[in-house]
Protein backbone atom coordinates (compact mmCIF):
# COMPACT_ATOMS: atom_id res chain seq x y z
CA MET A 1 -71.93 80.71 35.91
CA GLY A 2 -71.02 81.88 39.41
CA ALA A 3 -67.75 83.36 38.15
CA LEU A 4 -69.64 85.07 35.31
CA GLY A 5 -71.95 86.56 37.91
CA HIS A 6 -69.03 88.31 39.59
CA PHE A 7 -67.97 89.80 36.23
CA LEU A 8 -71.48 91.05 35.43
CA GLU A 9 -71.88 92.53 38.89
CA ARG A 10 -68.71 94.58 38.39
CA GLU A 11 -70.40 96.01 35.31
CA GLY A 12 -73.41 97.02 37.37
CA ILE A 13 -75.69 94.12 36.34
CA PRO A 14 -77.25 92.27 39.32
CA THR A 15 -77.24 88.48 39.01
CA VAL A 16 -78.77 85.46 40.70
CA GLY A 17 -78.34 81.75 40.08
CA ILE A 18 -79.99 78.47 41.06
CA SER A 19 -77.58 75.99 42.65
CA LEU A 20 -78.03 72.22 42.39
CA VAL A 21 -74.65 71.31 43.95
CA ARG A 22 -74.12 73.30 47.11
CA GLU A 23 -70.46 72.35 47.48
CA HIS A 24 -69.61 73.95 44.13
CA THR A 25 -71.54 77.11 44.99
CA GLU A 26 -69.82 77.43 48.35
CA THR A 27 -66.48 77.30 46.55
CA VAL A 28 -67.32 79.77 43.77
CA ARG A 29 -69.30 82.10 46.09
CA PRO A 30 -71.50 83.81 43.47
CA PRO A 31 -73.15 87.12 44.40
CA ARG A 32 -76.54 85.48 44.97
CA ALA A 33 -77.59 81.83 44.76
CA LEU A 34 -80.75 79.90 45.55
CA TRP A 35 -79.84 76.35 46.55
CA VAL A 36 -82.41 73.66 45.69
CA THR A 37 -82.44 69.93 46.42
CA PHE A 38 -83.93 68.87 43.09
CA ASP A 39 -82.46 66.38 40.63
CA LEU A 40 -79.57 67.50 38.44
CA GLY A 41 -81.00 68.90 35.23
CA ARG A 42 -84.25 69.96 36.96
CA PRO A 43 -83.42 73.30 38.63
CA LEU A 44 -87.10 74.29 38.76
CA GLY A 45 -88.23 71.13 40.51
CA ILE A 46 -91.33 69.18 39.53
CA PRO A 47 -91.79 68.64 35.76
CA ASP A 48 -95.11 69.78 34.28
CA ASP A 49 -95.97 71.78 37.42
CA PRO A 50 -95.99 75.49 36.42
CA PRO A 51 -97.11 76.81 39.86
CA PHE A 52 -94.26 75.00 41.60
CA GLN A 53 -91.75 76.19 39.01
CA ARG A 54 -93.00 79.78 39.28
CA ARG A 55 -92.41 79.68 43.04
CA VAL A 56 -88.81 78.60 42.46
CA VAL A 57 -88.22 81.34 39.89
CA LYS A 58 -89.82 83.97 42.16
CA ALA A 59 -87.67 82.89 45.11
CA ALA A 60 -84.56 83.29 42.94
CA LEU A 61 -85.61 86.67 41.55
CA ASP A 62 -86.44 87.95 45.04
CA LEU A 63 -82.75 87.60 45.88
CA LEU A 64 -81.95 90.41 43.44
CA ALA A 65 -83.05 92.81 46.18
CA ARG A 66 -80.26 91.56 48.44
CA THR A 67 -77.03 93.55 48.53
CA ASP A 68 -75.27 91.62 51.30
CA GLY A 69 -73.74 88.92 49.09
CA PRO A 70 -72.15 86.58 48.40
CA ILE A 71 -75.18 84.71 49.74
CA ILE A 72 -76.62 81.21 49.41
CA VAL A 73 -80.27 80.87 50.40
CA ASP A 74 -81.90 77.46 50.85
CA TYR A 75 -85.14 76.95 48.95
CA PRO A 76 -87.72 75.72 51.50
CA GLU A 77 -89.68 73.26 49.35
CA PHE A 78 -88.64 69.67 48.66
CA VAL A 79 -89.85 67.13 46.11
CA THR A 80 -90.70 64.31 48.49
CA GLU A 81 -94.03 62.98 47.26
CA GLU A 82 -94.42 59.21 47.23
CA ALA A 83 -94.29 57.79 43.72
CA ASP A 84 -97.75 57.16 42.27
CA PHE A 85 -97.82 53.99 40.18
CA THR A 86 -101.51 54.23 39.29
CA GLY A 87 -101.89 53.21 35.67
CA TRP A 88 -98.17 52.41 35.35
CA ALA A 89 -97.53 49.66 32.84
CA CYS A 90 -94.38 48.47 31.14
CA PRO A 91 -94.56 46.06 28.19
CA ILE A 92 -91.27 44.42 29.08
CA ASN A 93 -89.89 43.12 32.34
CA LEU A 94 -86.77 45.04 33.27
CA ALA A 95 -86.35 43.69 36.77
CA PRO A 96 -82.91 42.05 37.15
CA THR A 97 -82.78 38.26 36.94
CA GLU A 98 -80.05 35.73 37.57
CA VAL A 99 -79.05 35.60 33.90
CA ASP A 100 -79.77 39.23 32.98
CA THR A 101 -77.02 41.72 32.16
CA LEU A 102 -76.76 45.45 31.75
CA ALA A 103 -76.04 44.94 28.06
CA ALA A 104 -79.24 42.91 27.62
CA GLU A 105 -81.27 45.56 29.42
CA ILE A 106 -79.88 48.29 27.17
CA ASP A 107 -80.65 46.21 24.10
CA ARG A 108 -84.27 45.60 25.18
CA LEU A 109 -84.86 49.34 25.47
CA ALA A 110 -83.61 50.17 21.97
CA ALA A 111 -86.97 49.89 20.22
CA TRP A 112 -88.68 52.06 22.81
CA TYR A 113 -85.92 54.66 22.62
CA ASP A 114 -86.22 54.75 18.81
CA ARG A 115 -89.99 55.22 19.12
CA ALA A 116 -89.55 58.07 21.63
CA SER A 117 -86.98 59.81 19.40
CA ALA A 118 -89.26 59.52 16.36
CA THR A 119 -92.27 60.83 18.28
CA ASN A 120 -90.44 63.75 19.89
CA GLY A 121 -88.25 64.57 16.91
CA ARG A 122 -85.28 65.01 19.24
CA THR A 123 -83.16 63.35 21.91
CA THR A 124 -80.84 64.49 24.68
CA VAL A 125 -78.63 61.43 24.18
CA GLY A 126 -75.30 62.00 22.46
CA VAL A 127 -73.00 64.05 24.69
CA SER A 128 -70.57 61.12 25.14
CA GLY A 129 -70.28 60.31 21.43
CA LEU A 130 -70.79 56.62 22.31
CA ASP A 131 -73.56 54.29 21.26
CA MET A 132 -75.47 52.91 24.22
CA PRO A 133 -73.91 49.41 24.24
CA ALA A 134 -70.47 51.05 24.36
CA ALA A 135 -71.59 53.43 27.12
CA GLY A 136 -72.92 50.47 29.09
CA MET A 137 -69.65 48.62 28.58
CA LEU A 138 -67.78 51.61 30.02
CA VAL A 139 -69.89 51.43 33.17
CA THR A 140 -69.33 47.67 33.44
CA GLN A 141 -65.57 48.10 32.97
CA ALA A 142 -65.52 50.82 35.64
CA LEU A 143 -67.19 48.41 38.06
CA ASP A 144 -65.02 45.41 37.26
CA GLY A 145 -61.65 46.96 36.46
CA GLU A 146 -59.74 50.21 36.24
CA LEU A 147 -61.75 53.41 36.35
CA PRO A 148 -61.85 55.34 33.05
CA ALA A 149 -61.39 59.11 32.90
CA ALA A 150 -64.01 60.79 35.08
CA GLN A 151 -65.38 63.05 32.34
CA ALA A 152 -65.78 60.19 29.88
CA LEU A 153 -67.58 58.12 32.52
CA LYS A 154 -69.85 61.01 33.51
CA GLU A 155 -70.85 61.66 29.90
CA ALA A 156 -71.56 57.96 29.31
CA VAL A 157 -73.72 57.79 32.44
CA ASP A 158 -75.60 60.97 31.50
CA ASP A 159 -76.36 59.51 28.08
CA LEU A 160 -77.51 56.21 29.56
CA LYS A 161 -79.84 57.89 32.05
CA ALA A 162 -81.38 59.96 29.25
CA TYR A 163 -81.67 56.87 27.05
CA TYR A 164 -83.53 54.92 29.73
CA LEU A 165 -85.94 57.71 30.65
CA GLU A 166 -86.65 58.66 27.04
CA ALA A 167 -87.30 55.00 26.22
CA ALA A 168 -89.69 54.70 29.16
CA SER A 169 -91.63 57.72 27.89
CA ALA A 170 -92.62 55.61 24.85
CA PHE A 171 -94.09 52.70 26.84
CA PRO A 172 -97.80 52.13 26.13
CA ASP A 173 -98.64 53.68 29.50
CA PRO A 174 -95.62 55.86 30.24
CA GLY A 175 -96.80 57.06 33.63
CA THR A 176 -95.35 60.39 34.74
CA ALA A 177 -91.83 61.76 34.97
CA LYS A 178 -91.93 60.87 38.67
CA THR A 179 -92.94 57.24 38.13
CA ARG A 180 -90.35 56.84 35.37
CA LYS A 181 -87.65 58.11 37.69
CA GLU A 182 -88.80 55.75 40.45
CA TRP A 183 -88.79 52.86 37.97
CA PHE A 184 -85.27 53.73 36.89
CA TRP A 185 -83.75 53.89 40.39
CA SER A 186 -85.74 50.98 41.83
CA GLU A 187 -85.84 48.41 39.03
CA THR A 188 -83.08 48.78 36.45
CA ARG A 189 -79.70 47.13 36.29
CA LEU A 190 -78.13 50.42 35.28
CA ALA A 191 -79.24 52.11 38.50
CA ALA A 192 -77.96 49.12 40.51
CA ALA A 193 -74.62 49.42 38.70
CA LEU A 194 -74.37 53.15 39.46
CA LEU A 195 -75.16 52.59 43.12
CA ALA A 196 -72.47 49.89 43.26
CA LEU A 197 -70.00 52.13 41.45
CA GLN A 198 -70.45 55.12 43.78
CA PRO A 199 -68.22 53.91 46.66
CA LYS A 200 -65.45 52.91 44.25
CA LEU A 201 -65.43 56.39 42.77
CA ALA A 202 -65.65 58.03 46.19
CA ALA A 203 -62.60 56.07 47.37
CA SER A 204 -60.49 56.84 44.29
CA SER A 205 -57.22 58.78 44.61
CA ASP A 206 -58.28 60.85 41.59
CA PRO A 207 -60.11 64.01 42.76
CA GLN A 208 -62.28 64.06 39.63
CA HIS A 209 -63.46 60.53 40.36
CA ARG A 210 -64.27 61.56 43.93
CA ILE A 211 -66.30 64.56 42.72
CA LEU A 212 -68.23 62.28 40.38
CA GLY A 213 -68.85 59.71 43.10
CA ASN A 214 -69.67 62.11 45.92
CA LEU A 215 -71.59 64.83 44.10
CA THR A 216 -72.92 64.05 40.64
CA LEU A 217 -73.31 60.31 39.99
CA ILE A 218 -76.32 59.86 42.28
CA PRO A 219 -78.89 62.70 42.54
CA ALA A 220 -79.40 64.19 45.99
CA THR A 221 -82.95 62.82 46.08
CA GLU A 222 -81.63 59.27 45.56
CA ARG A 223 -78.63 59.37 47.92
CA HIS A 224 -80.59 57.41 50.51
CA ARG A 225 -80.25 54.38 48.23
CA VAL A 226 -76.43 54.36 48.45
CA ASP A 227 -76.30 52.89 51.96
CA ARG A 228 -78.79 50.19 50.94
CA SER A 229 -77.00 49.13 47.74
């Protein structure tokens, strides 16, 4: 989108974008960019918080008055609230055990994912073209053996994250988007696998693996977990 911005500007159309990965924006150097520290896929910040989201949009639109680009402006607000687990309930125990596996965890979530898909009439799972057991197997193979192609691994991980969070939204007391995210990164075997996989990707000789490991596998808000994994 940054490159498209340059094209539109040459046609006299001012542009602004919201950046989630600063390193990419610094390379592309779009005419105007507002850099935010929110999770990938959430450029406006806190879900279900219209006032917060309006502030982000206004900050981006205000940059249209700037003519000194290319510029990257840091958005001043962060999503740092402590997770609120009031009323949080999960009908199944997904905490890792000695005999548990990623495959078993994925299987236990299937019924909840099916319920969420039926209730919502849609799903964001499917970009990889894999079923979830196969996507989980790709992650396990990446941990235990040779790394697969970076794009295939990224798409499998994106599908798995969506699968887990959509499944959690169908729990009897689903909590909030914030508590579901905290549950995912604190309690699931998939999150533990991704945290363990990050250094292997970051140390790969393949630049696409390094980009995945250093920039996109773990959201910026969860990077503090890498050193503890």
